[in-house]
């Protein structure tokens, strides 16, 4: 038993010495301002000094810039995070990724407010659609659903809604939506700042959004 204690003391001392050496150099990205006690082989372990080391390390880790501690979570709001690479996305990994759970992607965000003379539903002669909405999938493609009812003739371009930043395309997206009745040349576009606009000859009709899709990359 005494031999085991000596081995433990020696191993802990060597490990503590290495940790102290690393913390004293520029290898660490954060400065430790507290006390780091070193132990040599054969030293008696001092609980107070060990706890002092842990307290200093904890304080240093929690003071890393851009990381915010929230309960048991750590939140990073300072830019992108890269593992094995310089990041160009929120999380950029150079290598294999192992996940034991499920990749969760955004659900539908519904558009509930439209300009005057537009409705968020349509039903006529057996043709109907639901409330318009949009989502982005795990591959970076934006999809739309549902449609819009126009209750009058469109005399000029109309901004229907503006998408949140992460849905913005890199260039203009032009589309000719399916319509019912399909008797006009109603068209539209989505700008690089996410503005969803209709223009052209749009009369009283239903405008389907289901086939509009694009990549944000």
N, C-alpha and C. Protein backbone atom coordinates (compact mmCIF):
# COMPACT_ATOMS: atom_id res chain seq x y z
N UNK A 1 0.82 -1.20 0.00
CA UNK A 1 0.00 0.00 0.00
C UNK A 1 0.86 1.25 0.00
N UNK A 2 1.92 1.23 0.83
CA UNK A 2 2.82 2.39 0.90
C UNK A 2 3.51 2.61 -0.43
N UNK A 3 3.84 1.49 -1.11
CA UNK A 3 4.49 1.59 -2.42
C UNK A 3 3.55 2.25 -3.43
N UNK A 4 2.28 1.88 -3.36
CA UNK A 4 1.29 2.48 -4.27
C UNK A 4 1.16 3.97 -4.02
N UNK A 5 1.16 4.38 -2.74
CA UNK A 5 1.07 5.81 -2.42
C UNK A 5 2.23 6.57 -3.00
N UNK A 6 3.43 5.98 -2.91
CA UNK A 6 4.63 6.65 -3.43
C UNK A 6 4.53 6.80 -4.95
N UNK A 7 4.06 5.73 -5.64
CA UNK A 7 3.89 5.84 -7.10
C UNK A 7 2.89 6.94 -7.44
N UNK A 8 1.79 6.99 -6.69
CA UNK A 8 0.77 8.01 -6.94
C UNK A 8 1.33 9.41 -6.74
N UNK A 9 2.07 9.59 -5.65
CA UNK A 9 2.67 10.89 -5.37
C UNK A 9 3.62 11.30 -6.48
N UNK A 10 4.43 10.35 -6.94
CA UNK A 10 5.40 10.64 -7.98
C UNK A 10 4.71 11.02 -9.28
N UNK A 11 3.68 10.23 -9.67
CA UNK A 11 2.96 10.53 -10.91
C UNK A 11 2.25 11.86 -10.85
N UNK A 12 1.61 12.12 -9.71
CA UNK A 12 0.90 13.39 -9.57
C UNK A 12 1.86 14.56 -9.60
N UNK A 13 3.02 14.37 -8.98
CA UNK A 13 4.01 15.44 -8.97
C UNK A 13 4.52 15.75 -10.36
N UNK A 14 4.82 14.70 -11.14
CA UNK A 14 5.30 14.91 -12.51
C UNK A 14 4.23 15.60 -13.34
N UNK A 15 2.97 15.12 -13.21
CA UNK A 15 1.87 15.73 -13.97
C UNK A 15 1.68 17.18 -13.61
N UNK A 16 1.76 17.49 -12.33
CA UNK A 16 1.59 18.87 -11.89
C UNK A 16 2.71 19.75 -12.42
N UNK A 17 3.91 19.20 -12.44
CA UNK A 17 5.04 19.97 -12.96
C UNK A 17 4.88 20.29 -14.44
N UNK A 18 4.43 19.29 -15.21
CA UNK A 18 4.19 19.52 -16.64
C UNK A 18 3.12 20.58 -16.84
N UNK A 19 2.02 20.49 -16.07
CA UNK A 19 0.94 21.46 -16.19
C UNK A 19 1.43 22.86 -15.88
N UNK A 20 2.23 22.97 -14.80
CA UNK A 20 2.75 24.28 -14.44
C UNK A 20 3.65 24.82 -15.53
N UNK A 21 4.45 23.94 -16.16
CA UNK A 21 5.33 24.39 -17.23
C UNK A 21 4.56 24.89 -18.43
N UNK A 22 3.50 24.17 -18.78
CA UNK A 22 2.68 24.59 -19.92
C UNK A 22 2.01 25.92 -19.64
N UNK A 23 1.51 26.08 -18.44
CA UNK A 23 0.81 27.31 -18.09
C UNK A 23 1.74 28.51 -18.06
N UNK A 24 3.02 28.25 -17.86
CA UNK A 24 3.99 29.35 -17.79
C UNK A 24 4.49 29.77 -19.16
N UNK A 25 4.08 29.07 -20.22
CA UNK A 25 4.55 29.41 -21.56
C UNK A 25 3.38 29.89 -22.40
N UNK A 26 3.69 30.23 -23.65
CA UNK A 26 2.65 30.74 -24.55
C UNK A 26 1.85 29.63 -25.20
N UNK A 27 2.07 28.36 -24.79
CA UNK A 27 1.30 27.26 -25.36
C UNK A 27 -0.17 27.43 -25.01
N UNK A 28 -0.45 27.93 -23.82
CA UNK A 28 -1.83 28.16 -23.42
C UNK A 28 -2.30 29.49 -23.98
N UNK A 29 -3.56 29.54 -24.37
CA UNK A 29 -4.11 30.76 -24.98
C UNK A 29 -4.68 31.70 -23.94
N UNK A 30 -4.54 31.37 -22.67
CA UNK A 30 -5.08 32.23 -21.62
C UNK A 30 -4.05 32.35 -20.50
N UNK A 31 -3.98 33.51 -19.89
CA UNK A 31 -3.03 33.75 -18.81
C UNK A 31 -3.62 33.32 -17.47
N UNK A 32 -2.84 32.56 -16.73
CA UNK A 32 -3.27 32.14 -15.39
C UNK A 32 -2.71 33.12 -14.38
N UNK A 33 -3.58 33.81 -13.67
CA UNK A 33 -3.14 34.82 -12.71
C UNK A 33 -3.12 34.31 -11.27
N UNK A 34 -3.71 33.14 -11.05
CA UNK A 34 -3.72 32.58 -9.70
C UNK A 34 -2.45 31.83 -9.39
N UNK A 35 -2.47 31.10 -8.29
CA UNK A 35 -1.31 30.34 -7.83
C UNK A 35 -1.35 28.92 -8.39
N UNK A 36 -0.20 28.47 -8.94
CA UNK A 36 -0.05 27.08 -9.37
C UNK A 36 1.08 26.47 -8.54
N UNK A 37 0.73 25.52 -7.68
CA UNK A 37 1.71 24.87 -6.83
C UNK A 37 2.34 23.68 -7.55
N UNK A 38 3.65 23.54 -7.45
CA UNK A 38 4.36 22.41 -8.04
C UNK A 38 4.64 21.36 -6.98
N UNK A 39 4.65 20.10 -7.41
CA UNK A 39 4.95 19.00 -6.50
C UNK A 39 6.09 18.19 -7.08
N UNK A 40 6.98 17.75 -6.23
CA UNK A 40 8.08 16.89 -6.64
C UNK A 40 7.84 15.46 -6.17
N UNK A 41 8.53 14.54 -6.78
CA UNK A 41 8.41 13.14 -6.40
C UNK A 41 8.72 12.98 -4.92
N UNK A 42 7.86 12.27 -4.23
CA UNK A 42 8.07 12.02 -2.81
C UNK A 42 7.41 13.04 -1.90
N UNK A 43 6.90 14.17 -2.48
CA UNK A 43 6.25 15.18 -1.65
C UNK A 43 4.94 14.64 -1.11
N UNK A 44 4.55 15.13 0.04
CA UNK A 44 3.24 14.80 0.59
C UNK A 44 2.20 15.68 -0.10
N UNK A 45 1.08 15.06 -0.47
CA UNK A 45 0.04 15.82 -1.14
C UNK A 45 -0.69 16.70 -0.13
N UNK A 46 -0.85 17.97 -0.51
CA UNK A 46 -1.52 18.95 0.35
C UNK A 46 -2.84 19.31 -0.31
N UNK A 47 -3.95 18.93 0.33
CA UNK A 47 -5.27 19.16 -0.25
C UNK A 47 -5.51 20.63 -0.54
N UNK A 48 -5.06 21.49 0.34
CA UNK A 48 -5.29 22.93 0.16
C UNK A 48 -4.57 23.44 -1.09
N UNK A 49 -3.33 22.96 -1.31
CA UNK A 49 -2.58 23.40 -2.49
C UNK A 49 -3.16 22.83 -3.78
N UNK A 50 -3.63 21.57 -3.71
CA UNK A 50 -4.27 20.97 -4.88
C UNK A 50 -5.52 21.76 -5.27
N UNK A 51 -6.35 22.06 -4.26
CA UNK A 51 -7.56 22.84 -4.51
C UNK A 51 -7.23 24.23 -5.04
N UNK A 52 -6.12 24.78 -4.58
CA UNK A 52 -5.70 26.10 -5.06
C UNK A 52 -5.35 26.04 -6.54
N UNK A 53 -4.68 24.95 -6.95
CA UNK A 53 -4.37 24.76 -8.37
C UNK A 53 -5.64 24.69 -9.21
N UNK A 54 -6.58 23.87 -8.76
CA UNK A 54 -7.82 23.72 -9.51
C UNK A 54 -8.59 25.03 -9.61
N UNK A 55 -8.58 25.79 -8.52
CA UNK A 55 -9.28 27.08 -8.52
C UNK A 55 -8.66 28.04 -9.53
N UNK A 56 -7.32 28.06 -9.59
CA UNK A 56 -6.63 28.93 -10.54
C UNK A 56 -6.94 28.53 -11.97
N UNK A 57 -6.92 27.21 -12.24
CA UNK A 57 -7.22 26.73 -13.58
C UNK A 57 -8.66 27.04 -13.98
N UNK A 58 -9.57 26.83 -13.04
CA UNK A 58 -10.97 27.09 -13.34
C UNK A 58 -11.20 28.57 -13.64
N UNK A 59 -10.59 29.43 -12.86
CA UNK A 59 -10.72 30.87 -13.09
C UNK A 59 -10.17 31.26 -14.45
N UNK A 60 -9.03 30.64 -14.83
CA UNK A 60 -8.42 30.95 -16.12
C UNK A 60 -9.29 30.50 -17.28
N UNK A 61 -9.83 29.28 -17.17
CA UNK A 61 -10.68 28.75 -18.24
C UNK A 61 -11.94 29.57 -18.41
N UNK A 62 -12.54 29.94 -17.28
CA UNK A 62 -13.78 30.71 -17.34
C UNK A 62 -13.56 32.13 -17.85
N UNK A 63 -12.30 32.59 -17.84
CA UNK A 63 -12.01 33.94 -18.31
C UNK A 63 -11.57 33.98 -19.76
N UNK A 64 -11.60 32.83 -20.47
CA UNK A 64 -11.22 32.81 -21.87
C UNK A 64 -12.15 33.75 -22.64
N UNK A 65 -11.61 34.67 -23.44
CA UNK A 65 -12.44 35.65 -24.15
C UNK A 65 -13.47 34.98 -25.06
N UNK A 66 -14.63 35.61 -25.15
CA UNK A 66 -15.71 35.23 -26.07
C UNK A 66 -16.52 34.01 -25.62
N UNK A 67 -16.08 33.33 -24.57
CA UNK A 67 -16.88 32.22 -24.06
C UNK A 67 -17.69 32.70 -22.87
N UNK A 68 -18.99 32.40 -22.87
CA UNK A 68 -19.87 32.82 -21.80
C UNK A 68 -20.43 31.58 -21.11
N UNK A 69 -20.27 31.53 -19.81
CA UNK A 69 -20.80 30.40 -19.07
C UNK A 69 -22.25 30.68 -18.70
N UNK A 70 -23.14 29.73 -19.05
CA UNK A 70 -24.56 29.86 -18.74
C UNK A 70 -25.04 28.54 -18.14
N UNK A 71 -25.07 28.48 -16.82
CA UNK A 71 -25.41 27.22 -16.16
C UNK A 71 -24.34 26.19 -16.45
N UNK A 72 -24.74 25.05 -17.02
CA UNK A 72 -23.79 24.02 -17.41
C UNK A 72 -23.32 24.15 -18.85
N UNK A 73 -23.78 25.21 -19.53
CA UNK A 73 -23.44 25.41 -20.94
C UNK A 73 -22.33 26.45 -21.10
N UNK A 74 -21.61 26.34 -22.20
CA UNK A 74 -20.61 27.34 -22.58
C UNK A 74 -20.99 27.85 -23.96
N UNK A 75 -21.15 29.17 -24.10
CA UNK A 75 -21.61 29.78 -25.34
C UNK A 75 -20.50 30.63 -25.94
N UNK A 76 -20.25 30.45 -27.22
CA UNK A 76 -19.22 31.22 -27.93
C UNK A 76 -19.87 32.14 -28.94
N UNK A 77 -19.67 33.46 -28.77
CA UNK A 77 -20.29 34.44 -29.66
C UNK A 77 -19.26 35.28 -30.39
N UNK A 78 -18.00 34.85 -30.38
CA UNK A 78 -16.94 35.70 -30.91
C UNK A 78 -16.53 35.42 -32.34
N UNK A 79 -17.28 34.58 -33.09
CA UNK A 79 -16.88 34.28 -34.46
C UNK A 79 -17.04 32.80 -34.75
N UNK A 80 -16.26 32.29 -35.68
CA UNK A 80 -16.34 30.88 -36.06
C UNK A 80 -15.39 30.02 -35.21
N UNK A 81 -15.65 28.72 -35.17
CA UNK A 81 -14.82 27.77 -34.43
C UNK A 81 -14.26 26.75 -35.41
N UNK A 82 -12.96 26.55 -35.40
CA UNK A 82 -12.32 25.58 -36.28
C UNK A 82 -11.63 24.48 -35.51
N UNK A 83 -11.77 23.25 -35.97
CA UNK A 83 -11.07 22.11 -35.39
C UNK A 83 -10.18 21.53 -36.48
N UNK A 84 -8.89 21.72 -36.38
CA UNK A 84 -7.94 21.22 -37.38
C UNK A 84 -7.88 22.07 -38.62
N UNK A 85 -8.50 23.26 -38.58
CA UNK A 85 -8.52 24.12 -39.76
C UNK A 85 -8.89 25.54 -39.35
N UNK A 86 -8.60 26.50 -40.23
CA UNK A 86 -9.06 27.86 -40.02
C UNK A 86 -10.52 27.93 -40.45
N UNK A 87 -11.44 28.28 -39.55
CA UNK A 87 -12.86 28.16 -39.86
C UNK A 87 -13.37 29.22 -40.83
N UNK A 88 -14.28 28.80 -41.71
CA UNK A 88 -14.98 29.72 -42.59
C UNK A 88 -16.48 29.67 -42.34
N UNK A 89 -16.89 28.78 -41.45
CA UNK A 89 -18.29 28.65 -41.05
C UNK A 89 -18.36 28.67 -39.52
N UNK A 90 -19.59 28.68 -38.99
CA UNK A 90 -19.77 28.71 -37.55
C UNK A 90 -18.98 27.59 -36.86
N UNK A 91 -19.02 26.38 -37.45
CA UNK A 91 -18.20 25.26 -36.99
C UNK A 91 -17.60 24.60 -38.21
N UNK A 92 -16.27 24.57 -38.26
CA UNK A 92 -15.55 24.02 -39.42
C UNK A 92 -14.61 22.94 -38.91
N UNK A 93 -14.84 21.70 -39.33
CA UNK A 93 -14.06 20.56 -38.86
C UNK A 93 -13.30 19.93 -40.02
N UNK A 94 -11.98 19.79 -39.88
CA UNK A 94 -11.16 19.10 -40.87
C UNK A 94 -10.89 17.69 -40.33
N UNK A 95 -11.72 16.75 -40.72
CA UNK A 95 -11.59 15.39 -40.22
C UNK A 95 -12.95 14.74 -40.07
N UNK A 96 -12.97 13.55 -39.56
CA UNK A 96 -14.22 12.82 -39.37
C UNK A 96 -14.98 13.34 -38.16
N UNK A 97 -16.29 13.29 -38.22
CA UNK A 97 -17.13 13.71 -37.11
C UNK A 97 -18.01 12.53 -36.70
N UNK A 98 -17.95 12.16 -35.43
CA UNK A 98 -18.77 11.06 -34.93
C UNK A 98 -19.89 11.63 -34.07
N UNK A 99 -21.12 11.29 -34.40
CA UNK A 99 -22.28 11.79 -33.68
C UNK A 99 -23.13 10.61 -33.24
N UNK A 100 -23.45 10.56 -31.96
CA UNK A 100 -24.27 9.46 -31.45
C UNK A 100 -25.75 9.82 -31.42
N UNK A 101 -26.05 11.12 -31.53
CA UNK A 101 -27.45 11.55 -31.50
C UNK A 101 -27.98 11.87 -32.89
N UNK A 102 -28.85 12.84 -32.95
CA UNK A 102 -29.52 13.22 -34.20
C UNK A 102 -29.12 14.63 -34.59
N UNK A 103 -28.88 14.85 -35.89
CA UNK A 103 -28.65 16.20 -36.37
C UNK A 103 -30.00 16.89 -36.50
N UNK A 104 -30.18 17.95 -35.74
CA UNK A 104 -31.45 18.67 -35.72
C UNK A 104 -31.34 19.90 -36.62
N UNK A 105 -32.26 20.04 -37.57
CA UNK A 105 -32.25 21.20 -38.43
C UNK A 105 -33.50 22.04 -38.19
N UNK A 106 -33.46 23.26 -38.70
CA UNK A 106 -34.56 24.18 -38.46
C UNK A 106 -35.87 23.63 -39.00
N UNK A 107 -36.96 23.90 -38.27
CA UNK A 107 -38.29 23.60 -38.77
C UNK A 107 -38.79 24.76 -39.62
N UNK A 108 -40.05 24.73 -39.95
CA UNK A 108 -40.63 25.77 -40.79
C UNK A 108 -40.89 27.04 -39.99
N UNK A 109 -40.53 28.16 -40.57
CA UNK A 109 -40.93 29.47 -40.05
C UNK A 109 -42.04 29.99 -40.93
N UNK A 110 -43.21 30.20 -40.35
CA UNK A 110 -44.35 30.61 -41.15
C UNK A 110 -44.45 32.13 -41.27
N UNK A 111 -44.92 32.57 -42.44
CA UNK A 111 -45.12 34.00 -42.70
C UNK A 111 -46.58 34.31 -42.36
N UNK A 112 -46.79 35.08 -41.32
CA UNK A 112 -48.15 35.35 -40.85
C UNK A 112 -48.60 36.77 -41.15
N UNK A 113 -47.69 37.61 -41.64
CA UNK A 113 -48.03 39.00 -41.93
C UNK A 113 -47.63 39.34 -43.36
N UNK A 114 -48.61 39.83 -44.14
CA UNK A 114 -48.37 40.19 -45.54
C UNK A 114 -48.95 41.58 -45.82
N UNK A 115 -48.55 42.21 -46.93
CA UNK A 115 -49.11 43.52 -47.27
C UNK A 115 -50.61 43.46 -47.52
N UNK A 116 -51.23 44.63 -47.62
CA UNK A 116 -52.66 44.73 -47.92
C UNK A 116 -52.95 44.04 -49.25
N UNK A 117 -54.09 43.39 -49.34
CA UNK A 117 -54.57 42.67 -50.53
C UNK A 117 -53.91 41.31 -50.73
N UNK A 118 -53.13 40.86 -49.76
CA UNK A 118 -52.56 39.52 -49.82
C UNK A 118 -53.06 38.70 -48.63
N UNK A 119 -53.28 37.40 -48.85
CA UNK A 119 -53.70 36.50 -47.79
C UNK A 119 -52.71 35.35 -47.69
N UNK A 120 -52.64 34.73 -46.52
CA UNK A 120 -51.70 33.63 -46.30
C UNK A 120 -52.34 32.27 -46.51
N UNK A 121 -53.41 32.19 -47.29
CA UNK A 121 -54.02 30.90 -47.61
C UNK A 121 -54.78 31.07 -48.93
N UNK A 122 -55.12 29.93 -49.55
CA UNK A 122 -55.89 29.98 -50.80
C UNK A 122 -56.65 28.68 -50.98
N UNK A 123 -57.87 28.77 -51.44
CA UNK A 123 -58.67 27.59 -51.75
C UNK A 123 -59.69 27.96 -52.80
N UNK A 124 -59.66 27.26 -53.93
CA UNK A 124 -60.58 27.57 -55.02
C UNK A 124 -60.65 26.39 -55.97
N UNK A 125 -61.86 25.93 -56.24
CA UNK A 125 -62.08 24.84 -57.20
C UNK A 125 -61.22 23.61 -56.89
N UNK A 126 -61.13 23.28 -55.62
CA UNK A 126 -60.36 22.09 -55.23
C UNK A 126 -58.87 22.31 -55.12
N UNK A 127 -58.40 23.51 -55.43
CA UNK A 127 -56.97 23.82 -55.31
C UNK A 127 -56.76 24.64 -54.04
N UNK A 128 -55.85 24.18 -53.19
CA UNK A 128 -55.62 24.89 -51.93
C UNK A 128 -54.18 24.71 -51.47
N UNK A 129 -53.74 25.59 -50.62
CA UNK A 129 -52.42 25.46 -49.99
C UNK A 129 -52.47 26.10 -48.62
N UNK A 130 -51.48 25.80 -47.81
CA UNK A 130 -51.44 26.31 -46.45
C UNK A 130 -50.69 27.62 -46.32
N UNK A 131 -50.43 27.99 -45.08
CA UNK A 131 -49.72 29.22 -44.77
C UNK A 131 -48.31 29.15 -45.34
N UNK A 132 -47.82 30.21 -45.98
CA UNK A 132 -46.46 30.19 -46.53
C UNK A 132 -45.41 30.12 -45.43
N UNK A 133 -44.29 29.51 -45.75
CA UNK A 133 -43.22 29.40 -44.77
C UNK A 133 -41.91 29.06 -45.44
N UNK A 134 -40.83 29.04 -44.66
CA UNK A 134 -39.51 28.75 -45.20
C UNK A 134 -38.68 28.05 -44.13
N UNK A 135 -37.68 27.30 -44.58
CA UNK A 135 -36.75 26.64 -43.68
C UNK A 135 -35.43 26.43 -44.42
N UNK A 136 -34.38 26.13 -43.68
CA UNK A 136 -33.08 25.82 -44.28
C UNK A 136 -32.68 24.42 -43.83
N UNK A 137 -32.24 23.58 -44.76
CA UNK A 137 -31.88 22.21 -44.39
C UNK A 137 -30.41 22.12 -44.00
N UNK A 138 -29.96 20.93 -43.61
CA UNK A 138 -28.61 20.75 -43.10
C UNK A 138 -27.55 20.95 -44.16
N UNK A 139 -27.94 20.96 -45.45
CA UNK A 139 -26.99 21.18 -46.54
C UNK A 139 -26.94 22.63 -47.00
N UNK A 140 -27.67 23.49 -46.31
CA UNK A 140 -27.63 24.91 -46.64
C UNK A 140 -28.60 25.33 -47.72
N UNK A 141 -29.63 24.51 -48.01
CA UNK A 141 -30.63 24.87 -49.01
C UNK A 141 -31.88 25.42 -48.33
N UNK A 142 -32.36 26.53 -48.87
CA UNK A 142 -33.58 27.15 -48.35
C UNK A 142 -34.77 26.63 -49.15
N UNK A 143 -35.84 26.25 -48.46
CA UNK A 143 -37.05 25.74 -49.09
C UNK A 143 -38.25 26.58 -48.65
N UNK A 144 -39.24 26.65 -49.52
CA UNK A 144 -40.46 27.37 -49.21
C UNK A 144 -41.65 26.42 -49.31
N UNK A 145 -42.73 26.77 -48.64
CA UNK A 145 -43.95 25.97 -48.68
C UNK A 145 -45.16 26.89 -48.73
N UNK A 146 -46.32 26.27 -48.99
CA UNK A 146 -47.55 27.03 -48.96
C UNK A 146 -47.66 28.02 -50.10
N UNK A 147 -48.40 29.08 -49.88
CA UNK A 147 -48.58 30.05 -50.93
C UNK A 147 -49.29 31.30 -50.45
N UNK A 148 -49.62 32.17 -51.41
CA UNK A 148 -50.18 33.48 -51.10
C UNK A 148 -51.36 33.73 -52.03
N UNK A 149 -52.38 34.32 -51.50
CA UNK A 149 -53.56 34.72 -52.28
C UNK A 149 -53.49 36.22 -52.53
N UNK A 150 -53.54 36.60 -53.82
CA UNK A 150 -53.57 38.00 -54.22
C UNK A 150 -55.02 38.36 -54.56
N UNK A 151 -55.58 39.33 -53.86
CA UNK A 151 -57.00 39.66 -54.01
C UNK A 151 -57.27 40.77 -55.02
N UNK A 152 -56.23 41.26 -55.69
CA UNK A 152 -56.40 42.35 -56.65
C UNK A 152 -55.33 42.23 -57.74
N UNK A 153 -55.32 43.16 -58.67
CA UNK A 153 -54.29 43.17 -59.70
C UNK A 153 -53.08 43.93 -59.18
N UNK A 154 -51.91 43.41 -59.46
CA UNK A 154 -50.68 44.03 -58.99
C UNK A 154 -50.21 45.06 -60.02
N UNK A 155 -50.17 46.34 -59.62
CA UNK A 155 -49.79 47.41 -60.55
C UNK A 155 -48.31 47.75 -60.47
N UNK A 156 -47.64 47.32 -59.43
CA UNK A 156 -46.21 47.57 -59.27
C UNK A 156 -45.62 46.48 -58.40
N UNK A 157 -44.29 46.47 -58.29
CA UNK A 157 -43.65 45.45 -57.45
C UNK A 157 -44.03 45.64 -55.99
N UNK A 158 -44.14 44.52 -55.29
CA UNK A 158 -44.54 44.55 -53.88
C UNK A 158 -43.60 43.67 -53.07
N UNK A 159 -43.07 44.21 -51.98
CA UNK A 159 -42.26 43.43 -51.05
C UNK A 159 -43.21 42.67 -50.13
N UNK A 160 -43.13 41.35 -50.17
CA UNK A 160 -44.01 40.53 -49.34
C UNK A 160 -43.47 40.35 -47.93
N UNK A 161 -42.19 40.03 -47.82
CA UNK A 161 -41.56 39.86 -46.51
C UNK A 161 -40.05 39.85 -46.69
N UNK A 162 -39.32 39.92 -45.60
CA UNK A 162 -37.86 39.89 -45.62
C UNK A 162 -37.37 38.71 -44.77
N UNK A 163 -36.49 37.92 -45.33
CA UNK A 163 -35.97 36.74 -44.65
C UNK A 163 -34.89 37.11 -43.65
N UNK A 164 -34.74 36.34 -42.56
CA UNK A 164 -33.63 36.54 -41.62
C UNK A 164 -32.28 36.34 -42.31
N UNK A 165 -31.23 36.86 -41.71
CA UNK A 165 -29.90 36.89 -42.33
C UNK A 165 -29.42 35.54 -42.84
N UNK A 166 -29.58 34.48 -42.08
CA UNK A 166 -29.01 33.20 -42.47
C UNK A 166 -29.69 32.59 -43.71
N UNK A 167 -30.82 33.18 -44.15
CA UNK A 167 -31.51 32.69 -45.34
C UNK A 167 -31.15 33.50 -46.59
N UNK A 168 -30.29 34.49 -46.45
CA UNK A 168 -29.99 35.36 -47.57
C UNK A 168 -29.16 34.64 -48.64
N UNK A 169 -29.56 34.75 -49.92
CA UNK A 169 -28.76 34.16 -51.00
C UNK A 169 -27.58 35.07 -51.33
N UNK A 170 -26.57 34.52 -51.98
CA UNK A 170 -25.39 35.31 -52.33
C UNK A 170 -25.66 36.22 -53.53
N UNK A 171 -26.60 35.82 -54.40
CA UNK A 171 -26.99 36.61 -55.56
C UNK A 171 -28.51 36.62 -55.65
N UNK A 172 -29.05 37.42 -56.54
CA UNK A 172 -30.50 37.46 -56.72
C UNK A 172 -31.02 36.09 -57.17
N UNK A 173 -32.14 35.68 -56.59
CA UNK A 173 -32.83 34.47 -56.99
C UNK A 173 -34.11 34.89 -57.71
N UNK A 174 -34.22 34.55 -59.00
CA UNK A 174 -35.41 34.90 -59.78
C UNK A 174 -36.29 33.66 -59.93
N UNK A 175 -37.59 33.86 -59.86
CA UNK A 175 -38.50 32.72 -59.98
C UNK A 175 -39.81 33.13 -60.65
N UNK A 176 -40.42 32.16 -61.28
CA UNK A 176 -41.78 32.30 -61.82
C UNK A 176 -42.63 31.26 -61.12
N UNK A 177 -43.39 31.66 -60.13
CA UNK A 177 -44.13 30.67 -59.32
C UNK A 177 -45.29 30.04 -60.06
N UNK A 178 -45.66 28.85 -59.63
CA UNK A 178 -46.88 28.24 -60.12
C UNK A 178 -48.07 29.06 -59.61
N UNK A 179 -49.09 29.20 -60.47
CA UNK A 179 -50.24 30.05 -60.11
C UNK A 179 -51.53 29.32 -60.43
N UNK A 180 -52.60 29.76 -59.80
CA UNK A 180 -53.93 29.25 -60.12
C UNK A 180 -54.93 30.40 -59.99
N UNK A 181 -55.65 30.75 -61.04
CA UNK A 181 -55.45 30.23 -62.40
C UNK A 181 -54.15 30.72 -63.02
N UNK A 182 -53.55 29.90 -63.86
CA UNK A 182 -52.24 30.22 -64.44
C UNK A 182 -52.43 30.99 -65.75
N UNK A 183 -52.82 32.25 -65.62
CA UNK A 183 -53.15 33.06 -66.80
C UNK A 183 -52.31 34.32 -66.91
N UNK A 184 -51.34 34.51 -66.03
CA UNK A 184 -50.56 35.75 -66.05
C UNK A 184 -49.07 35.44 -65.99
N UNK A 185 -48.27 36.47 -66.16
CA UNK A 185 -46.81 36.32 -66.11
C UNK A 185 -46.27 36.89 -64.81
N UNK A 186 -46.84 36.48 -63.71
CA UNK A 186 -46.40 36.93 -62.39
C UNK A 186 -45.03 36.34 -62.08
N UNK A 187 -44.10 37.18 -61.63
CA UNK A 187 -42.74 36.75 -61.33
C UNK A 187 -42.29 37.31 -59.99
N UNK A 188 -41.10 36.95 -59.59
CA UNK A 188 -40.58 37.46 -58.34
C UNK A 188 -39.09 37.23 -58.20
N UNK A 189 -38.52 37.80 -57.13
CA UNK A 189 -37.11 37.56 -56.84
C UNK A 189 -36.86 37.68 -55.35
N UNK A 190 -35.72 37.14 -54.94
CA UNK A 190 -35.24 37.26 -53.56
C UNK A 190 -33.87 37.90 -53.64
N UNK A 191 -33.70 39.03 -53.00
CA UNK A 191 -32.45 39.78 -53.10
C UNK A 191 -31.39 39.23 -52.16
N UNK A 192 -30.11 39.61 -52.34
CA UNK A 192 -29.05 39.16 -51.43
C UNK A 192 -29.23 39.65 -49.99
N UNK A 193 -30.17 40.57 -49.78
CA UNK A 193 -30.48 41.00 -48.41
C UNK A 193 -31.80 40.39 -47.93
N UNK A 194 -32.26 39.34 -48.63
CA UNK A 194 -33.40 38.56 -48.16
C UNK A 194 -34.77 39.14 -48.44
N UNK A 195 -34.86 40.17 -49.32
CA UNK A 195 -36.16 40.79 -49.61
C UNK A 195 -36.90 39.96 -50.66
N UNK A 196 -38.08 39.48 -50.31
CA UNK A 196 -38.91 38.64 -51.18
C UNK A 196 -39.92 39.55 -51.88
N UNK A 197 -39.79 39.67 -53.21
CA UNK A 197 -40.60 40.63 -53.97
C UNK A 197 -41.36 39.95 -55.10
N UNK A 198 -42.60 40.40 -55.35
CA UNK A 198 -43.39 39.98 -56.50
C UNK A 198 -43.54 41.13 -57.46
N UNK A 199 -43.57 40.84 -58.76
CA UNK A 199 -43.78 41.89 -59.76
C UNK A 199 -44.29 41.22 -61.04
N UNK A 200 -44.52 42.03 -62.05
CA UNK A 200 -45.07 41.51 -63.30
C UNK A 200 -46.58 41.60 -63.31
N UNK A 201 -47.20 40.80 -64.15
CA UNK A 201 -48.67 40.80 -64.27
C UNK A 201 -49.26 39.79 -63.32
N UNK A 202 -49.54 40.24 -62.12
CA UNK A 202 -50.12 39.37 -61.09
C UNK A 202 -51.55 39.84 -60.82
N UNK A 203 -52.54 39.05 -61.18
CA UNK A 203 -53.93 39.40 -60.94
C UNK A 203 -54.47 38.59 -59.76
N UNK A 204 -55.77 38.64 -59.58
CA UNK A 204 -56.38 37.92 -58.46
C UNK A 204 -56.18 36.42 -58.66
N UNK A 205 -55.28 35.84 -57.93
CA UNK A 205 -54.97 34.43 -58.11
C UNK A 205 -54.17 33.90 -56.92
N UNK A 206 -54.03 32.59 -56.87
CA UNK A 206 -53.19 31.97 -55.86
C UNK A 206 -51.78 31.78 -56.40
N UNK A 207 -50.80 32.03 -55.55
CA UNK A 207 -49.39 31.94 -55.96
C UNK A 207 -48.71 30.91 -55.08
N UNK A 208 -48.24 29.82 -55.68
CA UNK A 208 -47.61 28.74 -54.93
C UNK A 208 -46.12 29.00 -54.76
N UNK A 209 -45.60 28.69 -53.57
CA UNK A 209 -44.18 28.93 -53.28
C UNK A 209 -43.38 27.63 -53.20
N UNK A 210 -44.03 26.49 -53.29
CA UNK A 210 -43.41 25.20 -52.98
C UNK A 210 -42.15 24.87 -53.80
N UNK A 211 -42.08 25.33 -55.01
CA UNK A 211 -40.95 24.93 -55.87
C UNK A 211 -39.77 25.89 -55.81
N UNK A 212 -39.86 26.92 -54.97
CA UNK A 212 -38.75 27.87 -54.85
C UNK A 212 -37.72 27.30 -53.87
N UNK A 213 -36.49 27.17 -54.32
CA UNK A 213 -35.41 26.68 -53.46
C UNK A 213 -34.08 27.20 -53.97
N UNK A 214 -33.12 27.37 -53.08
CA UNK A 214 -31.79 27.84 -53.47
C UNK A 214 -30.81 27.54 -52.34
N UNK A 215 -29.54 27.64 -52.67
CA UNK A 215 -28.47 27.41 -51.68
C UNK A 215 -27.94 28.75 -51.18
N UNK A 216 -27.64 28.80 -49.89
CA UNK A 216 -27.06 30.02 -49.32
C UNK A 216 -25.55 30.03 -49.46
N UNK A 217 -24.95 28.94 -49.92
CA UNK A 217 -23.49 28.85 -50.07
C UNK A 217 -23.04 29.42 -51.42
